[in-house]
C-alpha cells in the first residue's frame, strides 16, 4: 500500500467523538464567531440565547470571570448526552470571540452530532443577534427561537 493510500484510508477510518470551532476551520459553519461588542454584553446575549435554545440544552455551569459556559445537550432520542463548552474571549478592543467544543460522553464516533451541536448553537446565536436593536434604535425587537426545521 503506498503512503498516499494509507493517509487517505486513515482519514476515512479516523473516528472522533469531539468537534471544536476555530477561526481557521475548513467548514465555514464551524468557524469562530466574532461579536462586535464588549465582553459583558456578549456574555449577556450568549446567556439569553442559551436559555432560548430549548429543552434539550441545559446550562450546567457558568463562570463569568473566565467567560466559560458548560452546557449539555441530549439527542432527540435522549439516550446520548454531549458536553458543550462555550468560551468567550476578547479578540481585540472591539470584538469578542465565541468558540465551542462539543464532545460525546460515550462511544468512538458521534455520527456528526458534535458538529451539528456547534452549527445549531451558532445559527441560534446569529438569529438572536439579528433581533437586537441597531446602535441608534431604542428597545429590542421580539425574538422568537429558530424552529428546529430551520436550524438544520
C-alpha atoms as a PDB file:
ATOM      1  CA  UNK A   1       0.000   0.000   0.000  1.00  0.00           C
ATOM      2  CA  UNK A   2       1.502   3.319  -0.978  1.00  0.00           C
ATOM      3  CA  UNK A   3       1.935   6.111   1.545  1.00  0.00           C
ATOM      4  CA  UNK A   4      -0.780   8.238  -0.107  1.00  0.00           C
ATOM      5  CA  UNK A   5      -3.318   5.407   0.092  1.00  0.00           C
ATOM      6  CA  UNK A   6      -2.504   4.843   3.749  1.00  0.00           C
ATOM      7  CA  UNK A   7      -3.149   8.512   4.601  1.00  0.00           C
ATOM      8  CA  UNK A   8      -6.392   8.507   2.616  1.00  0.00           C
ATOM      9  CA  UNK A   9      -7.554   5.321   4.337  1.00  0.00           C
ATOM     10  CA  UNK A  10      -6.560   6.646   7.768  1.00  0.00           C
ATOM     11  CA  UNK A  11      -8.522   9.876   7.226  1.00  0.00           C
ATOM     12  CA  UNK A  12     -11.620   7.875   6.300  1.00  0.00           C
ATOM     13  CA  UNK A  13     -11.314   5.486   9.250  1.00  0.00           C
ATOM     14  CA  UNK A  14     -10.476   8.104  11.861  1.00  0.00           C
ATOM     15  CA  UNK A  15     -13.237   8.079  14.426  1.00  0.00           C
ATOM     16  CA  UNK A  16     -13.925  11.108  16.533  1.00  0.00           C
ATOM     17  CA  UNK A  17     -16.322  11.961  19.286  1.00  0.00           C
ATOM     18  CA  UNK A  18     -15.220  15.595  19.600  1.00  0.00           C
ATOM     19  CA  UNK A  19     -15.539  18.706  17.425  1.00  0.00           C
ATOM     20  CA  UNK A  20     -14.271  22.221  18.041  1.00  0.00           C
ATOM     21  CA  UNK A  21     -14.822  25.526  16.319  1.00  0.00           C
ATOM     22  CA  UNK A  22     -11.787  27.586  15.374  1.00  0.00           C
ATOM     23  CA  UNK A  23     -11.060  30.581  13.196  1.00  0.00           C
ATOM     24  CA  UNK A  24      -9.312  28.505  10.500  1.00  0.00           C
ATOM     25  CA  UNK A  25     -11.761  25.572  10.408  1.00  0.00           C
ATOM     26  CA  UNK A  26     -12.234  24.118   6.895  1.00  0.00           C
ATOM     27  CA  UNK A  27     -16.026  24.336   7.263  1.00  0.00           C
ATOM     28  CA  UNK A  28     -17.342  27.911   7.316  1.00  0.00           C
ATOM     29  CA  UNK A  29     -20.218  26.861   9.585  1.00  0.00           C
ATOM     30  CA  UNK A  30     -17.765  25.750  12.284  1.00  0.00           C
ATOM     31  CA  UNK A  31     -15.538  28.831  12.323  1.00  0.00           C
ATOM     32  CA  UNK A  32     -15.264  31.024  15.391  1.00  0.00           C
ATOM     33  CA  UNK A  33     -17.835  33.829  15.505  1.00  0.00           C
ATOM     34  CA  UNK A  34     -16.800  37.342  16.435  1.00  0.00           C
ATOM     35  CA  UNK A  35     -19.285  39.734  18.022  1.00  0.00           C
ATOM     36  CA  UNK A  36     -18.791  43.480  17.693  1.00  0.00           C
ATOM     37  CA  UNK A  37     -19.468  44.328  21.350  1.00  0.00           C
ATOM     38  CA  UNK A  38     -17.788  44.314  24.730  1.00  0.00           C
ATOM     39  CA  UNK A  39     -17.382  41.086  26.700  1.00  0.00           C
ATOM     40  CA  UNK A  40     -20.064  41.881  29.288  1.00  0.00           C
ATOM     41  CA  UNK A  41     -22.715  42.478  26.600  1.00  0.00           C
ATOM     42  CA  UNK A  42     -21.602  39.389  24.702  1.00  0.00           C
ATOM     43  CA  UNK A  43     -21.899  37.326  27.911  1.00  0.00           C
ATOM     44  CA  UNK A  44     -25.461  38.570  28.500  1.00  0.00           C
ATOM     45  CA  UNK A  45     -26.538  37.899  24.899  1.00  0.00           C
ATOM     46  CA  UNK A  46     -24.973  34.431  24.760  1.00  0.00           C
ATOM     47  CA  UNK A  47     -26.589  33.545  28.098  1.00  0.00           C
ATOM     48  CA  UNK A  48     -30.006  34.679  26.850  1.00  0.00           C
ATOM     49  CA  UNK A  49     -29.541  32.735  23.617  1.00  0.00           C
ATOM     50  CA  UNK A  50     -28.635  29.568  25.541  1.00  0.00           C
ATOM     51  CA  UNK A  51     -31.761  29.901  27.676  1.00  0.00           C
ATOM     52  CA  UNK A  52     -33.869  30.130  24.487  1.00  0.00           C
ATOM     53  CA  UNK A  53     -32.314  27.078  22.782  1.00  0.00           C
ATOM     54  CA  UNK A  54     -34.891  24.605  24.023  1.00  0.00           C
ATOM     55  CA  UNK A  55     -35.427  21.716  26.345  1.00  0.00           C
ATOM     56  CA  UNK A  56     -32.558  19.578  25.040  1.00  0.00           C
ATOM     57  CA  UNK A  57     -29.965  22.196  26.034  1.00  0.00           C
ATOM     58  CA  UNK A  58     -29.090  22.855  29.669  1.00  0.00           C
ATOM     59  CA  UNK A  59     -26.589  25.135  31.401  1.00  0.00           C
ATOM     60  CA  UNK A  60     -24.602  23.016  33.845  1.00  0.00           C
ATOM     61  CA  UNK A  61     -22.081  25.643  34.930  1.00  0.00           C
ATOM     62  CA  UNK A  62     -21.211  29.211  34.065  1.00  0.00           C
ATOM     63  CA  UNK A  63     -18.117  31.192  35.024  1.00  0.00           C
ATOM     64  CA  UNK A  64     -18.420  34.876  34.072  1.00  0.00           C
ATOM     65  CA  UNK A  65     -14.889  35.754  35.230  1.00  0.00           C
ATOM     66  CA  UNK A  66     -13.306  33.407  32.674  1.00  0.00           C
ATOM     67  CA  UNK A  67     -16.092  33.695  30.074  1.00  0.00           C
ATOM     68  CA  UNK A  68     -16.990  29.986  30.126  1.00  0.00           C
ATOM     69  CA  UNK A  69     -20.253  28.075  29.913  1.00  0.00           C
ATOM     70  CA  UNK A  70     -20.584  24.315  30.331  1.00  0.00           C
ATOM     71  CA  UNK A  71     -23.719  23.054  28.577  1.00  0.00           C
ATOM     72  CA  UNK A  72     -25.191  19.646  27.963  1.00  0.00           C
ATOM     73  CA  UNK A  73     -27.335  18.661  25.034  1.00  0.00           C
ATOM     74  CA  UNK A  74     -29.366  15.486  24.857  1.00  0.00           C
ATOM     75  CA  UNK A  75     -30.060  13.910  21.488  1.00  0.00           C
ATOM     76  CA  UNK A  76     -33.640  13.644  20.294  1.00  0.00           C
ATOM     77  CA  UNK A  77     -33.763  10.047  21.461  1.00  0.00           C
ATOM     78  CA  UNK A  78     -32.491  11.292  24.855  1.00  0.00           C
ATOM     79  CA  UNK A  79     -30.093   8.369  25.100  1.00  0.00           C
ATOM     80  CA  UNK A  80     -26.895  10.261  24.485  1.00  0.00           C
ATOM     81  CA  UNK A  81     -25.570  13.429  26.074  1.00  0.00           C
ATOM     82  CA  UNK A  82     -22.998  15.763  24.589  1.00  0.00           C
ATOM     83  CA  UNK A  83     -20.963  18.216  26.629  1.00  0.00           C
ATOM     84  CA  UNK A  84     -20.574  21.624  25.015  1.00  0.00           C
ATOM     85  CA  UNK A  85     -18.067  24.190  26.261  1.00  0.00           C
ATOM     86  CA  UNK A  86     -18.659  27.793  25.182  1.00  0.00           C
ATOM     87  CA  UNK A  87     -15.762  30.218  25.588  1.00  0.00           C
ATOM     88  CA  UNK A  88     -15.924  33.978  25.201  1.00  0.00           C
ATOM     89  CA  UNK A  89     -12.649  35.836  24.831  1.00  0.00           C
ATOM     90  CA  UNK A  90     -11.613  39.373  23.943  1.00  0.00           C
ATOM     91  CA  UNK A  91     -10.278  39.100  20.373  1.00  0.00           C
ATOM     92  CA  UNK A  92      -9.345  42.796  20.149  1.00  0.00           C
ATOM     93  CA  UNK A  93     -10.599  46.078  21.643  1.00  0.00           C
ATOM     94  CA  UNK A  94     -13.934  45.938  19.795  1.00  0.00           C
ATOM     95  CA  UNK A  95     -14.668  42.253  19.237  1.00  0.00           C
ATOM     96  CA  UNK A  96     -15.373  39.196  21.346  1.00  0.00           C
ATOM     97  CA  UNK A  97     -14.744  35.687  20.021  1.00  0.00           C
ATOM     98  CA  UNK A  98     -17.179  32.835  20.707  1.00  0.00           C
ATOM     99  CA  UNK A  99     -15.658  29.351  20.429  1.00  0.00           C
ATOM    100  CA  UNK A 100     -17.276  25.995  21.125  1.00  0.00           C
ATOM    101  CA  UNK A 101     -16.069  22.487  21.864  1.00  0.00           C
ATOM    102  CA  UNK A 102     -18.616  19.677  21.705  1.00  0.00           C
ATOM    103  CA  UNK A 103     -17.779  16.144  22.803  1.00  0.00           C
ATOM    104  CA  UNK A 104     -19.793  12.981  23.222  1.00  0.00           C
ATOM    105  CA  UNK A 105     -19.654  11.242  26.565  1.00  0.00           C
ATOM    106  CA  UNK A 106     -19.603   7.695  25.224  1.00  0.00           C
ATOM    107  CA  UNK A 107     -18.605   5.966  22.038  1.00  0.00           C
ATOM    108  CA  UNK A 108     -15.826   6.332  19.497  1.00  0.00           C
ATOM    109  CA  UNK A 109     -17.844   8.109  16.848  1.00  0.00           C
ATOM    110  CA  UNK A 110     -20.584  10.705  17.026  1.00  0.00           C
ATOM    111  CA  UNK A 111     -22.087  10.410  13.507  1.00  0.00           C
ATOM    112  CA  UNK A 112     -21.726  14.195  13.107  1.00  0.00           C
ATOM    113  CA  UNK A 113     -23.709  15.128  16.233  1.00  0.00           C
ATOM    114  CA  UNK A 114     -20.964  17.310  17.707  1.00  0.00           C
ATOM    115  CA  UNK A 115     -20.650  19.335  14.513  1.00  0.00           C
ATOM    116  CA  UNK A 116     -24.467  19.687  14.495  1.00  0.00           C
ATOM    117  CA  UNK A 117     -24.345  20.953  18.089  1.00  0.00           C
ATOM    118  CA  UNK A 118     -21.926  23.707  17.093  1.00  0.00           C
ATOM    119  CA  UNK A 119     -23.883  24.605  13.938  1.00  0.00           C
ATOM    120  CA  UNK A 120     -27.193  24.713  15.838  1.00  0.00           C
ATOM    121  CA  UNK A 121     -25.718  26.934  18.543  1.00  0.00           C
ATOM    122  CA  UNK A 122     -24.168  29.379  16.060  1.00  0.00           C
ATOM    123  CA  UNK A 123     -27.364  29.558  13.995  1.00  0.00           C
ATOM    124  CA  UNK A 124     -29.444  30.264  17.093  1.00  0.00           C
ATOM    125  CA  UNK A 125     -26.948  32.905  18.242  1.00  0.00           C
ATOM    126  CA  UNK A 126     -26.985  34.618  14.843  1.00  0.00           C
ATOM    127  CA  UNK A 127     -30.793  34.537  14.773  1.00  0.00           C
ATOM    128  CA  UNK A 128     -30.915  36.047  18.263  1.00  0.00           C
ATOM    129  CA  UNK A 129     -28.411  38.791  17.399  1.00  0.00           C
ATOM    130  CA  UNK A 130     -30.442  39.806  14.323  1.00  0.00           C
ATOM    131  CA  UNK A 131     -33.197  40.912  16.701  1.00  0.00           C
ATOM    132  CA  UNK A 132     -31.001  43.294  18.685  1.00  0.00           C
ATOM    133  CA  UNK A 133     -31.653  46.979  18.034  1.00  0.00           C
ATOM    134  CA  UNK A 134     -29.226  48.883  15.826  1.00  0.00           C
ATOM    135  CA  UNK A 135     -26.923  51.320  17.680  1.00  0.00           C
ATOM    136  CA  UNK A 136     -29.301  54.273  17.152  1.00  0.00           C
ATOM    137  CA  UNK A 137     -32.580  52.431  17.889  1.00  0.00           C
ATOM    138  CA  UNK A 138     -34.347  52.090  21.206  1.00  0.00           C
ATOM    139  CA  UNK A 139     -35.989  48.936  22.525  1.00  0.00           C
ATOM    140  CA  UNK A 140     -35.447  45.361  21.459  1.00  0.00           C
ATOM    141  CA  UNK A 141     -37.340  43.569  18.736  1.00  0.00           C
ATOM    142  CA  UNK A 142     -39.253  40.479  19.780  1.00  0.00           C
ATOM    143  CA  UNK A 143     -37.095  37.369  19.491  1.00  0.00           C
ATOM    144  CA  UNK A 144     -38.602  34.034  18.593  1.00  0.00           C
ATOM    145  CA  UNK A 145     -36.323  30.980  18.693  1.00  0.00           C
ATOM    146  CA  UNK A 146     -35.484  29.408  15.363  1.00  0.00           C
ATOM    147  CA  UNK A 147     -37.764  26.411  14.677  1.00  0.00           C
ATOM    148  CA  UNK A 148     -35.962  23.061  14.634  1.00  0.00           C
ATOM    149  CA  UNK A 149     -36.627  22.618  10.898  1.00  0.00           C
ATOM    150  CA  UNK A 150     -34.860  25.888  10.079  1.00  0.00           C
ATOM    151  CA  UNK A 151     -31.831  25.091  12.241  1.00  0.00           C
ATOM    152  CA  UNK A 152     -30.747  22.004  10.307  1.00  0.00           C
END
